[in-house]
Amino acid sequence: MARTNFDSLLAAGAHFGHLKRKWNPAMAPYIFMERNGIHIIDLHKTVAKVDQAADALKQIAKSGKRILFVATKKQAKEVVAEKAASVGMPYVIERWPGGMLTNFPTIRKAVKKMANIDKLLNDGTYDKLSKRENLQIRRKRAKLEKNLGSIADLTRLPSALFVIDVMKEHIAVSEANRLGIPVFAIVDTNSDPRNIDFVIPANDDATKSIEVILDAVCGAINEGLEERKAEKVDMEAAGETKAAEKAEAAEAPAEEAEAPAAE
């Protein structure tokens, strides 16, 4: 069963591409027609591509790996933050920190600095400072939180990126390509899909379009997480059963190896 459908995508305006003069020829396979100078995306292909991407993301989540969502454009920020948080995945909705992937240890240092500030604020160390110095530290903490708070628990490189608008997020895509991290993306008719591993052809400017697609992929991610949890419970139960069987065998009286000798 498809994770989304033609009618839902149509109602969300996912079929509206950009003006013909702004198109990228590499998107030709995903374009259905031109209407009033605007390219119309083939939503039948979008449905198929959403399913393909969702299945791959489900397997990544099921294996316990992390998926980083990236969307810094105004129309996508809130919905991406909401959907990514609902499945416990990290996200970037403010400015992309250059080198976030290719220079990941430096980003981790900044996150640790934020945690250290929190520790010193809570234990009263900063209470000895002047009001001005205290205010500067709190402003620095707020800036770190705004840019890095949503990736605070990302302790290692993500196993995949999900990007909204590959033109705007070209630096993130480039870094992922360089490191061999697969990129999933909503790609509009003005963008180049050739550096994207899982292309979802759709309108990347309409909030509704983004939301419908994210509902489908995050639903798949959630399925993967639930299956992983269920498998873990089954493994623990099997381990407990095995341990109980061993304990019973150890407590059972040992049989005599030989019959008693005749008098």
Protein backbone atom coordinates (compact mmCIF):
# COMPACT_ATOMS: atom_id res chain seq x y z
CA MET A 1 0.00 0.00 0.00
CA ALA A 2 1.30 3.46 -0.97
CA ARG A 3 2.30 5.75 1.89
CA THR A 4 0.70 8.72 0.18
CA ASN A 5 -1.54 9.13 -2.85
CA PHE A 6 -2.11 11.24 -5.91
CA ASP A 7 -5.13 13.09 -4.48
CA SER A 8 -3.39 14.10 -1.23
CA LEU A 9 -0.39 15.44 -3.14
CA LEU A 10 -2.65 17.25 -5.62
CA ALA A 11 -4.64 18.90 -2.82
CA ALA A 12 -1.38 20.02 -1.20
CA GLY A 13 -0.15 21.64 -4.43
CA ALA A 14 2.81 19.30 -4.71
CA HIS A 15 2.44 19.27 -8.52
CA PHE A 16 3.30 22.94 -9.03
CA GLY A 17 6.85 23.38 -10.30
CA HIS A 18 8.66 26.59 -11.27
CA LEU A 19 8.44 28.74 -14.37
CA LYS A 20 9.61 26.96 -17.49
CA ARG A 21 12.49 29.43 -17.97
CA LYS A 22 13.85 28.51 -14.52
CA TRP A 23 13.79 24.78 -14.98
CA ASN A 24 16.71 22.38 -14.72
CA PRO A 25 16.71 19.99 -17.73
CA ALA A 26 17.82 17.13 -15.48
CA MET A 27 14.31 17.23 -13.95
CA ALA A 28 12.69 16.43 -17.32
CA PRO A 29 11.84 12.79 -16.39
CA TYR A 30 9.66 14.04 -13.53
CA ILE A 31 7.74 16.72 -15.44
CA PHE A 32 4.25 15.85 -16.71
CA MET A 33 3.45 18.96 -18.74
CA GLU A 34 3.65 22.75 -18.95
CA ARG A 35 0.68 24.94 -18.11
CA ASN A 36 0.66 28.74 -18.43
CA GLY A 37 4.46 28.79 -18.46
CA ILE A 38 4.73 26.66 -15.29
CA HIS A 39 5.96 23.09 -15.20
CA ILE A 40 3.61 20.51 -13.68
CA ILE A 41 5.24 17.61 -11.82
CA ASP A 42 4.11 14.04 -12.53
CA LEU A 43 2.56 13.07 -9.19
CA HIS A 44 2.37 9.38 -10.09
CA LYS A 45 6.18 9.42 -10.07
CA THR A 46 6.16 11.40 -6.82
CA VAL A 47 4.02 8.71 -5.13
CA ALA A 48 6.45 6.00 -6.28
CA LYS A 49 9.50 7.99 -5.15
CA VAL A 50 7.96 8.74 -1.73
CA ASP A 51 7.41 5.00 -1.20
CA GLN A 52 10.96 4.20 -2.26
CA ALA A 53 12.46 6.84 0.04
CA ALA A 54 10.16 5.89 2.93
CA ASP A 55 11.14 2.21 2.74
CA ALA A 56 14.86 3.09 2.78
CA LEU A 57 14.42 5.51 5.72
CA LYS A 58 12.46 2.87 7.64
CA GLN A 59 15.38 0.44 7.36
CA ILE A 60 17.86 3.11 8.49
CA ALA A 61 15.73 3.88 11.56
CA LYS A 62 15.20 0.17 12.27
CA SER A 63 18.96 -0.36 12.36
CA GLY A 64 19.26 2.30 15.06
CA LYS A 65 20.94 4.93 12.89
CA ARG A 66 20.21 8.66 12.78
CA ILE A 67 18.67 10.75 10.00
CA LEU A 68 19.40 14.49 9.94
CA PHE A 69 16.62 16.72 8.56
CA VAL A 70 17.72 19.99 6.94
CA ALA A 71 15.42 22.89 6.03
CA THR A 72 16.31 26.52 6.63
CA LYS A 73 13.68 28.11 4.37
CA LYS A 74 10.81 29.89 6.12
CA GLN A 75 8.01 27.72 4.68
CA ALA A 76 9.63 24.48 5.89
CA LYS A 77 11.25 25.31 9.24
CA GLU A 78 8.35 24.77 11.62
CA VAL A 79 6.91 21.68 9.97
CA VAL A 80 10.35 20.04 9.71
CA ALA A 81 11.12 20.76 13.38
CA GLU A 82 7.76 19.28 14.41
CA LYS A 83 7.96 16.14 12.26
CA ALA A 84 11.64 15.40 12.98
CA ALA A 85 11.12 15.86 16.74
CA SER A 86 8.09 13.52 16.62
CA VAL A 87 10.37 10.63 15.61
CA GLY A 88 13.31 11.74 17.77
CA MET A 89 15.56 12.72 14.87
CA PRO A 90 17.98 15.70 14.79
CA TYR A 91 17.31 18.66 12.53
CA VAL A 92 18.80 21.95 11.32
CA ILE A 93 16.33 24.78 10.65
CA GLU A 94 18.56 27.80 11.22
CA ARG A 95 21.73 28.58 9.26
CA TRP A 96 23.64 25.48 8.16
CA PRO A 97 26.93 25.51 10.11
CA GLY A 98 29.59 25.19 7.41
CA GLY A 99 31.62 22.03 7.94
CA MET A 100 28.96 20.49 10.13
CA LEU A 101 29.56 17.11 8.50
CA THR A 102 33.08 17.46 7.09
CA ASN A 103 34.38 19.03 10.31
CA PHE A 104 32.04 17.28 12.74
CA PRO A 105 34.46 17.20 15.75
CA THR A 106 34.47 21.03 15.83
CA ILE A 107 30.66 21.09 15.90
CA ARG A 108 30.70 18.59 18.77
CA LYS A 109 33.06 20.87 20.69
CA ALA A 110 30.57 23.73 20.34
CA VAL A 111 27.78 21.47 21.62
CA LYS A 112 29.94 20.46 24.59
CA LYS A 113 30.64 24.12 25.28
CA MET A 114 26.88 24.68 25.50
CA ALA A 115 26.55 21.78 27.97
CA ASN A 116 29.45 23.16 30.02
CA ILE A 117 27.81 26.60 30.23
CA ASP A 118 24.63 24.90 31.49
CA LYS A 119 26.60 23.07 34.16
CA LEU A 120 28.30 26.25 35.40
CA LEU A 121 25.01 28.16 35.36
CA ASN A 122 23.32 25.48 37.44
CA ASP A 123 26.08 25.08 40.04
CA GLY A 124 26.22 28.82 40.70
CA THR A 125 29.74 29.40 39.32
CA TYR A 126 28.56 32.28 37.12
CA ASP A 127 26.78 33.97 40.04
CA LYS A 128 30.15 35.40 41.08
CA LEU A 129 30.50 37.27 37.79
CA SER A 130 29.21 40.78 37.14
CA LYS A 131 25.72 41.26 35.72
CA ARG A 132 27.21 42.32 32.38
CA GLU A 133 29.45 39.23 32.10
CA ASN A 134 26.57 36.99 33.12
CA LEU A 135 24.36 38.51 30.42
CA GLN A 136 27.06 37.97 27.76
CA ILE A 137 27.38 34.30 28.71
CA ARG A 138 23.61 33.81 28.60
CA ARG A 139 23.44 35.45 25.17
CA LYS A 140 26.22 33.16 23.94
CA ARG A 141 24.29 30.17 25.33
CA ALA A 142 21.10 31.30 23.57
CA LYS A 143 22.95 31.63 20.25
CA LEU A 144 24.44 28.13 20.59
CA GLU A 145 21.01 26.75 21.47
CA LYS A 146 19.41 28.38 18.44
CA ASN A 147 21.97 26.97 16.01
CA LEU A 148 22.92 23.67 17.63
CA GLY A 149 20.27 22.80 20.21
CA SER A 150 18.38 20.51 17.84
CA ILE A 151 21.51 18.41 17.17
CA ALA A 152 22.77 18.28 20.78
CA ASP A 153 22.23 14.50 20.95
CA LEU A 154 23.85 13.81 17.56
CA THR A 155 27.06 12.24 18.87
CA ARG A 156 28.23 10.82 15.55
CA LEU A 157 27.74 11.58 11.86
CA PRO A 158 24.19 10.90 10.62
CA SER A 159 23.58 7.92 8.37
CA ALA A 160 21.36 9.96 6.02
CA LEU A 161 20.22 13.51 5.26
CA PHE A 162 16.67 14.52 4.41
CA VAL A 163 16.74 17.90 2.68
CA ILE A 164 14.06 20.41 1.68
CA ASP A 165 15.23 22.53 -1.30
CA VAL A 166 18.55 21.20 -2.54
CA MET A 167 19.46 24.55 -4.10
CA LYS A 168 19.22 26.42 -0.82
CA GLU A 169 20.91 23.61 1.11
CA HIS A 170 23.62 22.96 -1.51
CA ILE A 171 26.42 23.14 1.10
CA ALA A 172 24.78 20.42 3.21
CA VAL A 173 24.27 18.26 0.10
CA SER A 174 27.87 18.82 -0.98
CA GLU A 175 29.25 17.80 2.43
CA ALA A 176 27.08 14.67 2.50
CA ASN A 177 28.19 13.74 -1.04
CA ARG A 178 31.83 14.16 -0.05
CA LEU A 179 31.42 11.79 2.90
CA GLY A 180 29.24 9.27 1.08
CA ILE A 181 26.19 9.97 3.26
CA PRO A 182 22.99 9.23 1.28
CA VAL A 183 20.79 12.25 0.59
CA PHE A 184 16.99 12.10 0.49
CA ALA A 185 15.37 15.29 -0.80
CA ILE A 186 12.25 17.01 -2.03
CA VAL A 187 13.44 18.32 -5.40
CA ASP A 188 11.61 21.01 -7.39
CA THR A 189 11.80 21.59 -11.16
CA ASN A 190 14.48 24.30 -10.81
CA SER A 191 16.93 21.99 -9.02
CA ASP A 192 19.58 19.46 -10.04
CA PRO A 193 18.64 15.94 -8.89
CA ARG A 194 21.90 14.30 -9.98
CA ASN A 195 23.64 14.54 -6.59
CA ILE A 196 20.60 13.23 -4.73
CA ASP A 197 20.37 9.52 -3.90
CA PHE A 198 16.60 9.47 -3.29
CA VAL A 199 14.78 12.13 -5.32
CA ILE A 200 11.21 13.05 -4.37
CA PRO A 201 9.97 15.35 -7.18
CA ALA A 202 7.57 17.88 -5.66
CA ASN A 203 6.89 21.52 -4.86
CA ASP A 204 9.45 22.49 -2.19
CA ASP A 205 7.96 25.94 -1.55
CA ALA A 206 4.45 25.05 -0.34
CA THR A 207 4.19 24.14 3.35
CA LYS A 208 1.31 21.73 2.67
CA SER A 209 3.33 19.88 0.02
CA ILE A 210 6.26 19.52 2.42
CA GLU A 211 3.96 18.40 5.24
CA VAL A 212 2.23 15.65 3.23
CA ILE A 213 5.57 14.17 2.18
CA LEU A 214 7.06 14.43 5.68
CA ASP A 215 3.99 12.71 7.13
CA ALA A 216 4.68 9.76 4.85
CA VAL A 217 8.43 9.47 5.47
CA CYS A 218 8.21 10.13 9.22
CA GLY A 219 5.45 7.53 9.45
CA ALA A 220 7.87 5.04 7.89
CA ILE A 221 10.67 6.09 10.27
CA ASN A 222 8.34 5.59 13.22
CA GLU A 223 7.49 2.09 11.94
CA GLY A 224 11.20 1.29 11.80
CA LEU A 225 11.71 2.52 15.36
CA GLU A 226 8.74 0.51 16.65
CA GLU A 227 9.93 -2.65 14.91
CA ARG A 228 13.40 -2.16 16.40
CA LYS A 229 11.86 -1.76 19.86
CA ALA A 230 9.71 -4.89 19.40
CA GLU A 231 12.72 -6.94 18.25
CA LYS A 232 14.69 -5.74 21.27
CA VAL A 233 11.88 -6.83 23.62
CA ASP A 234 11.69 -10.23 21.90
CA MET A 235 15.47 -10.69 22.21
CA GLU A 236 15.38 -9.77 25.91
CA ALA A 237 12.49 -12.18 26.49
CA ALA A 238 14.36 -14.95 24.65
CA GLY A 239 17.46 -14.23 26.74
CA GLU A 240 15.47 -14.42 29.99
CA THR A 241 13.89 -17.73 28.91
CA LYS A 242 17.29 -19.19 28.08
CA ALA A 243 18.71 -18.04 31.43
CA ALA A 244 15.74 -19.58 33.28
CA GLU A 245 16.22 -22.90 31.46
CA LYS A 246 19.90 -22.94 32.41
CA ALA A 247 19.04 -22.20 36.04
CA GLU A 248 16.51 -25.03 36.12
CA ALA A 249 19.01 -27.44 34.60
CA ALA A 250 21.61 -26.48 37.24
CA GLU A 251 19.15 -26.98 40.12
CA ALA A 252 17.91 -30.40 38.92
CA PRO A 253 19.53 -33.34 40.80
CA ALA A 254 22.36 -34.89 38.83
CA GLU A 255 21.72 -38.43 37.65
CA GLU A 256 24.15 -41.07 38.78
CA ALA A 257 26.69 -41.77 36.15
CA GLU A 258 26.90 -45.53 37.04
CA ALA A 259 24.61 -48.02 38.82
CA PRO A 260 25.74 -49.03 42.39
CA ALA A 261 28.10 -52.05 42.48
CA ALA A 262 26.53 -55.45 43.49
CA GLU A 263 27.49 -56.85 46.93
